[in-house]
Protein backbone atom coordinates (compact mmCIF):
# COMPACT_ATOMS: atom_id res chain seq x y z
CA UNK A 1 17.95 4.39 16.74
CA UNK A 2 15.11 2.35 18.23
CA UNK A 3 12.48 4.93 17.29
CA UNK A 4 13.31 5.12 13.53
CA UNK A 5 10.33 3.04 12.39
CA UNK A 6 8.01 5.14 14.57
CA UNK A 7 9.44 8.36 13.12
CA UNK A 8 8.90 7.10 9.57
CA UNK A 9 5.26 6.34 10.36
CA UNK A 10 4.58 9.66 12.08
CA UNK A 11 6.54 11.62 9.50
CA UNK A 12 4.51 10.06 6.69
CA UNK A 13 1.28 10.93 8.48
CA UNK A 14 2.09 14.42 9.73
CA UNK A 15 1.70 16.60 6.61
CA UNK A 16 -1.37 14.77 5.21
CA UNK A 17 -3.02 14.95 8.64
CA UNK A 18 -2.41 18.68 9.00
CA UNK A 19 -3.67 19.41 5.49
CA UNK A 20 -6.77 17.27 6.08
CA UNK A 21 -8.31 20.40 7.55
CA UNK A 22 -7.56 22.58 4.53
CA UNK A 23 -10.74 24.59 3.81
CA UNK A 24 -10.82 23.45 0.19
CA UNK A 25 -9.90 19.79 0.62
CA UNK A 26 -11.83 19.10 3.85
CA UNK A 27 -10.37 15.60 3.84
CA UNK A 28 -11.47 15.09 7.45
CA UNK A 29 -15.01 14.61 6.11
CA UNK A 30 -13.80 11.35 4.56
CA UNK A 31 -12.43 9.94 7.82
CA UNK A 32 -15.32 7.55 8.38
CA UNK A 33 -15.06 5.69 5.03
CA UNK A 34 -11.26 5.96 5.23
CA UNK A 35 -11.02 4.26 8.60
CA UNK A 36 -13.51 1.59 7.53
CA UNK A 37 -11.22 0.97 4.56
CA UNK A 38 -8.17 0.85 6.82
CA UNK A 39 -9.80 -1.63 9.18
CA UNK A 40 -10.94 -3.81 6.28
CA UNK A 41 -7.47 -3.81 4.73
CA UNK A 42 -5.87 -4.63 8.10
CA UNK A 43 -8.10 -7.72 8.32
CA UNK A 44 -6.27 -8.96 5.22
CA UNK A 45 -2.77 -7.56 5.55
CA UNK A 46 -2.20 -8.05 9.30
CA UNK A 47 -2.84 -11.85 9.33
CA UNK A 48 -0.68 -12.12 6.21
CA UNK A 49 2.04 -10.12 8.00
CA UNK A 50 1.82 -12.25 11.14
CA UNK A 51 2.07 -15.54 9.23
CA UNK A 52 4.98 -14.37 7.08
CA UNK A 53 6.82 -13.03 10.13
CA UNK A 54 6.27 -16.25 12.06
CA UNK A 55 7.48 -18.32 9.09
CA UNK A 56 10.60 -16.19 8.59
CA UNK A 57 9.60 -14.93 5.15
CA UNK A 58 10.36 -11.45 6.46
CA UNK A 59 11.17 -9.96 9.84
CA UNK A 60 12.14 -6.84 11.77
CA UNK A 61 15.46 -5.53 13.03
CA UNK A 62 15.07 -4.84 16.75
CA UNK A 63 17.59 -2.02 16.51
CA UNK A 64 15.01 0.20 14.84
CA UNK A 65 11.79 -0.27 16.81
CA UNK A 66 10.82 0.27 20.43
CA UNK A 67 10.56 -3.43 21.25
CA UNK A 68 6.85 -3.84 21.97
CA UNK A 69 5.24 -6.57 19.88
CA UNK A 70 1.68 -7.74 19.34
CA UNK A 71 1.19 -11.11 17.64
CA UNK A 72 4.84 -11.20 16.48
CA UNK A 73 4.60 -7.71 14.95
CA UNK A 74 6.17 -4.52 16.34
CA UNK A 75 3.61 -1.89 17.31
CA UNK A 76 5.20 0.28 14.61
CA UNK A 77 4.19 -2.30 12.00
CA UNK A 78 0.57 -2.04 13.12
CA UNK A 79 0.84 1.74 12.83
CA UNK A 80 2.22 1.32 9.32
CA UNK A 81 -1.17 0.06 8.14
CA UNK A 82 -2.82 3.21 9.48
CA UNK A 83 -0.28 5.92 8.70
CA UNK A 84 0.76 4.89 5.19
CA UNK A 85 -2.78 4.28 3.82
CA UNK A 86 -3.90 7.58 5.36
CA UNK A 87 -1.04 9.47 3.71
CA UNK A 88 -1.49 7.77 0.34
CA UNK A 89 -5.28 8.08 0.21
CA UNK A 90 -4.94 11.76 1.12
CA UNK A 91 -2.41 12.18 -1.70
CA UNK A 92 -4.80 10.52 -4.16
CA UNK A 93 -7.73 12.73 -3.18
CA UNK A 94 -5.61 15.90 -3.18
CA UNK A 95 -4.27 15.18 -6.67
CA UNK A 96 -7.74 14.36 -8.00
CA UNK A 97 -9.11 17.56 -6.43
CA UNK A 98 -6.44 19.88 -7.81
CA UNK A 99 -6.00 18.04 -11.13
CA UNK A 100 -9.48 16.75 -12.07
CA UNK A 101 -8.33 15.88 -15.59
CA UNK A 102 -5.56 13.63 -14.27
CA UNK A 103 -7.06 10.43 -15.59
CA UNK A 104 -6.66 7.91 -18.37
CA UNK A 105 -9.32 7.09 -20.91
CA UNK A 106 -11.52 4.09 -20.15
CA UNK A 107 -10.00 2.21 -23.07
CA UNK A 108 -6.41 2.72 -21.93
CA UNK A 109 -7.38 1.90 -18.35
CA UNK A 110 -8.85 -1.44 -19.39
CA UNK A 111 -5.88 -2.31 -21.60
CA UNK A 112 -3.41 -1.49 -18.81
CA UNK A 113 -5.49 -3.42 -16.28
CA UNK A 114 -5.81 -6.59 -18.34
CA UNK A 115 -2.12 -6.55 -19.25
CA UNK A 116 -1.23 -5.97 -15.60
CA UNK A 117 -3.48 -8.85 -14.49
CA UNK A 118 -1.93 -11.14 -17.12
CA UNK A 119 1.60 -10.27 -15.97
CA UNK A 120 0.66 -10.79 -12.31
CA UNK A 121 -0.94 -14.18 -12.97
CA UNK A 122 2.07 -15.28 -15.03
CA UNK A 123 4.50 -14.22 -12.30
CA UNK A 124 2.41 -15.91 -9.61
CA UNK A 125 2.20 -19.24 -11.42
CA UNK A 126 5.83 -19.29 -12.53
CA UNK A 127 6.96 -18.50 -8.97
CA UNK A 128 4.50 -20.67 -7.05
CA UNK A 129 7.32 -21.87 -4.79
CA UNK A 130 8.10 -18.32 -3.60
CA UNK A 131 5.48 -17.39 -1.02
CA UNK A 132 5.84 -13.60 -1.08
CA UNK A 133 5.71 -13.51 -4.87
CA UNK A 134 2.81 -15.96 -5.08
CA UNK A 135 0.53 -14.34 -2.48
CA UNK A 136 1.44 -10.78 -3.43
CA UNK A 137 0.90 -11.12 -7.18
CA UNK A 138 -2.22 -13.26 -6.75
CA UNK A 139 -3.88 -10.73 -4.44
CA UNK A 140 -3.05 -7.84 -6.77
CA UNK A 141 -4.48 -9.74 -9.76
CA UNK A 142 -7.72 -10.57 -7.93
CA UNK A 143 -8.14 -7.04 -6.59
CA UNK A 144 -7.44 -5.39 -9.95
CA UNK A 145 -9.94 -7.74 -11.61
CA UNK A 146 -12.63 -6.70 -9.14
CA UNK A 147 -11.92 -2.99 -9.46
CA UNK A 148 -11.71 -2.87 -13.25
CA UNK A 149 -15.09 -4.56 -13.49
CA UNK A 150 -16.85 -2.70 -10.68
CA UNK A 151 -15.05 0.65 -10.35
CA UNK A 152 -13.23 1.38 -13.61
CA UNK A 153 -13.45 5.10 -12.88
CA UNK A 154 -11.28 4.68 -9.79
CA UNK A 155 -8.47 3.06 -11.76
CA UNK A 156 -8.56 5.81 -14.39
CA UNK A 157 -7.06 8.20 -11.86
CA UNK A 158 -5.34 5.76 -9.50
CA UNK A 159 -2.85 4.48 -12.07
CA UNK A 160 -1.54 8.05 -12.39
CA UNK A 161 -1.75 9.09 -8.74
CA UNK A 162 0.06 5.89 -7.75
CA UNK A 163 3.00 6.96 -9.92
CA UNK A 164 3.21 10.13 -7.80
CA UNK A 165 2.96 8.09 -4.59
CA UNK A 166 5.96 6.04 -5.71
CA UNK A 167 8.21 9.04 -5.00
CA UNK A 168 7.67 9.06 -1.20
CA UNK A 169 7.33 5.26 -1.36
CA UNK A 170 10.91 4.89 -2.58
CA UNK A 171 12.11 7.20 0.20
CA UNK A 172 10.21 5.60 3.11
CA UNK A 173 10.40 2.00 1.92
CA UNK A 174 13.99 2.55 0.85
CA UNK A 175 14.91 3.43 4.43
CA UNK A 176 12.90 0.49 5.77
CA UNK A 177 14.79 -1.90 3.49
CA UNK A 178 18.24 -0.51 4.22
CA UNK A 179 18.88 2.55 2.07
CA UNK A 180 20.67 5.43 3.85
CA UNK A 181 21.08 3.41 7.09
CA UNK A 182 23.51 0.78 8.32
CA UNK A 183 21.05 -2.14 8.40
CA UNK A 184 17.51 -2.66 7.14
CA UNK A 185 14.48 -2.12 9.38
CA UNK A 186 12.62 -4.90 7.58
CA UNK A 187 14.55 -7.88 6.23
CA UNK A 188 13.41 -10.41 3.63
CA UNK A 189 14.14 -14.06 2.97
CA UNK A 190 15.14 -13.84 -0.70
CA UNK A 191 14.27 -17.50 -1.25
CA UNK A 192 10.62 -16.43 -0.99
CA UNK A 193 10.73 -13.57 -3.50
CA UNK A 194 12.11 -12.84 -6.97
CA UNK A 195 15.31 -11.41 -5.42
CA UNK A 196 15.03 -8.39 -7.71
CA UNK A 197 15.64 -5.09 -5.94
CA UNK A 198 14.78 -1.54 -6.90
CA UNK A 199 17.65 0.05 -5.00
CA UNK A 200 17.18 -1.83 -1.69
CA UNK A 201 13.44 -2.51 -2.18
CA UNK A 202 12.17 -5.94 -3.28
CA UNK A 203 10.17 -5.45 -6.48
CA UNK A 204 7.24 -7.23 -4.81
CA UNK A 205 6.91 -4.29 -2.40
CA UNK A 206 5.71 -2.01 -5.20
CA UNK A 207 2.86 -4.42 -5.96
CA UNK A 208 2.18 -4.79 -2.23
CA UNK A 209 1.83 -1.01 -1.93
CA UNK A 210 -0.40 -0.93 -5.01
CA UNK A 211 -2.79 -3.48 -3.49
CA UNK A 212 -2.79 -1.90 -0.02
CA UNK A 213 -3.71 1.57 -1.28
CA UNK A 214 -6.11 0.41 -3.99
CA UNK A 215 -8.01 -1.75 -1.50
CA UNK A 216 -8.50 1.23 0.82
CA UNK A 217 -9.69 3.44 -2.05
CA UNK A 218 -11.97 0.71 -3.38
CA UNK A 219 -13.70 0.24 -0.01
CA UNK A 220 -14.05 4.00 0.40
CA UNK A 221 -15.53 4.32 -3.08
CA UNK A 222 -18.08 1.60 -2.37
CA UNK A 223 -19.10 3.26 0.89
CA UNK A 224 -19.36 6.73 -0.67
CA UNK A 225 -21.45 5.42 -3.57
CA UNK A 226 -23.79 3.60 -1.20
CA UNK A 227 -24.14 6.77 0.89
CA UNK A 228 -25.00 8.84 -2.20
CA UNK A 229 -27.73 6.42 -3.27
CA UNK A 230 -29.45 6.28 0.14
């Protein structure tokens, strides 16, 4: 099924895109800051992806994509960094809109953040010889440090909305890593990660998703705040 990866991207995007025009949500009004956030995040995640693919830290099963590549990456992988952030950011905003009290206290948010940062730094330094673990945990620690100090309010809700996002994450990423299908769409060199799997998903992928979505939301929040003050 050489169009599986494409279907996963489009399937993830379809419902959030359609509901972007909901008269109450009006998510389409956030497209400008959203796409700025997506472009900014791609400037970080795409080069990382290209380097890791070239070095064999991970790769793609040609059975499940159309075959067109750009800088070592399937076109579907480029689409991933548009479709998945769009769907997840939409989910965050929809949950915050319909459940405005879905947030942690500032105190709990700071405690969780500092503990999370400590765990990430510890894992990064104790696994410095594993490139996926090292880069992934380091980026998440740096990003969380920035956000907790500059946009604490964002993390108060994001920690909870991210837990909701983990449900579709385990479905989509599970398929990508080999659940429910004969072979994985994306394969990993386990010498470069902790080799701990949640079902078929490397545990690093959950932190990767955390950083990818949080970075988009962080950029959007900065843009929206700047717009409100001008």
